[in-house]
């Protein structure tokens, strides 16, 4: 019986140590997440710049070359049933 009590105490110490390590790692990860939420421009020391708003040149649509463009041909609808009976068989 004395041996089992000693083994139980060792297991308890190991579990306490593991729990403390997990809590420390969780605290570090939580701290990093909170820091990122407060300052989204800096991601772990790397600055992230917001993209500029796009500028659209609408005058390009008035170009006569665009009026000369033709639309694509219409694709006819499928006449056969799509797919195969067993798609896992090789061709």
Protein backbone atom coordinates (compact mmCIF):
# COMPACT_ATOMS: atom_id res chain seq x y z
CA UNK A 1 0.00 0.00 0.00
CA UNK A 2 2.80 2.42 0.70
CA UNK A 3 4.01 2.04 -2.86
CA UNK A 4 0.63 2.96 -4.35
CA UNK A 5 0.41 6.10 -2.22
CA UNK A 6 3.84 7.15 -3.49
CA UNK A 7 2.85 6.49 -7.10
CA UNK A 8 -0.39 8.40 -6.62
CA UNK A 9 1.47 11.43 -5.26
CA UNK A 10 3.87 11.33 -8.22
CA UNK A 11 0.92 11.21 -10.63
CA UNK A 12 -0.73 14.13 -8.85
CA UNK A 13 2.46 16.18 -9.08
CA UNK A 14 2.76 15.39 -12.79
CA UNK A 15 -0.87 16.33 -13.41
CA UNK A 16 -0.46 19.59 -11.50
CA UNK A 17 2.68 20.39 -13.50
CA UNK A 18 0.91 19.63 -16.78
CA UNK A 19 -2.07 21.77 -15.77
CA UNK A 20 0.21 24.69 -14.87
CA UNK A 21 2.07 24.42 -18.20
CA UNK A 22 -1.23 24.31 -20.13
CA UNK A 23 -2.52 27.36 -18.25
CA UNK A 24 0.69 29.29 -18.95
CA UNK A 25 0.57 28.45 -22.66
CA UNK A 26 -3.14 29.34 -22.78
CA UNK A 27 -2.41 32.66 -21.09
CA UNK A 28 0.30 33.49 -23.60
CA UNK A 29 -1.97 32.64 -26.55
CA UNK A 30 -4.84 34.60 -25.02
CA UNK A 31 -2.57 37.61 -24.45
CA UNK A 32 -1.41 37.54 -28.07
CA UNK A 33 -5.02 37.41 -29.27
CA UNK A 34 -6.01 40.34 -27.05
CA UNK A 35 -3.06 42.39 -28.27
CA UNK A 36 -4.02 41.69 -31.89
CA UNK A 37 -7.61 42.79 -31.27
CA UNK A 38 -6.46 46.08 -29.80
CA UNK A 39 -4.00 46.85 -32.59
CA UNK A 40 -5.05 45.09 -35.83
CA UNK A 41 -2.49 47.08 -37.83
CA UNK A 42 0.39 45.28 -36.12
CA UNK A 43 0.42 41.51 -36.39
CA UNK A 44 3.18 40.15 -34.15
CA UNK A 45 5.42 43.08 -35.01
CA UNK A 46 4.60 43.07 -38.73
CA UNK A 47 2.69 46.09 -39.93
CA UNK A 48 -0.27 45.39 -42.17
CA UNK A 49 -1.32 48.31 -44.33
CA UNK A 50 -4.93 48.81 -45.37
CA UNK A 51 -5.42 48.73 -49.13
CA UNK A 52 -6.34 51.94 -50.88
CA UNK A 53 -9.76 52.36 -52.43
CA UNK A 54 -9.74 51.43 -56.12
CA UNK A 55 -10.04 54.21 -58.66
CA UNK A 56 -12.23 53.28 -61.63
CA UNK A 57 -11.70 55.07 -64.90
CA UNK A 58 -15.23 55.15 -66.36
CA UNK A 59 -14.06 57.03 -69.46
CA UNK A 60 -12.68 53.76 -70.83
CA UNK A 61 -16.25 52.58 -71.48
CA UNK A 62 -16.74 55.41 -73.96
CA UNK A 63 -13.94 54.12 -76.18
CA UNK A 64 -15.17 53.24 -79.73
CA UNK A 65 -13.15 50.02 -79.70
CA UNK A 66 -15.40 48.63 -76.99
CA UNK A 67 -18.45 49.15 -79.21
CA UNK A 68 -16.83 46.97 -81.88
CA UNK A 69 -16.55 43.99 -79.53
CA UNK A 70 -18.86 41.08 -80.24
CA UNK A 71 -20.58 38.96 -77.64
CA UNK A 72 -19.64 35.31 -77.20
CA UNK A 73 -21.59 32.62 -79.02
CA UNK A 74 -24.40 30.96 -77.14
CA UNK A 75 -23.65 27.44 -75.93
CA UNK A 76 -26.51 25.06 -76.79
CA UNK A 77 -28.10 23.16 -73.90
CA UNK A 78 -27.01 19.59 -73.23
CA UNK A 79 -28.88 16.95 -75.19
CA UNK A 80 -27.53 13.97 -73.26
CA UNK A 81 -28.00 13.13 -69.63
CA UNK A 82 -25.00 14.55 -67.73
CA UNK A 83 -22.79 12.22 -65.71
CA UNK A 84 -22.11 8.51 -65.80
CA UNK A 85 -23.76 5.53 -64.13
CA UNK A 86 -20.67 4.82 -62.01
CA UNK A 87 -18.30 7.80 -61.93
CA UNK A 88 -15.66 5.79 -60.06
CA UNK A 89 -14.92 3.47 -62.94
CA UNK A 90 -11.97 4.50 -65.13
CA UNK A 91 -12.61 5.53 -68.75
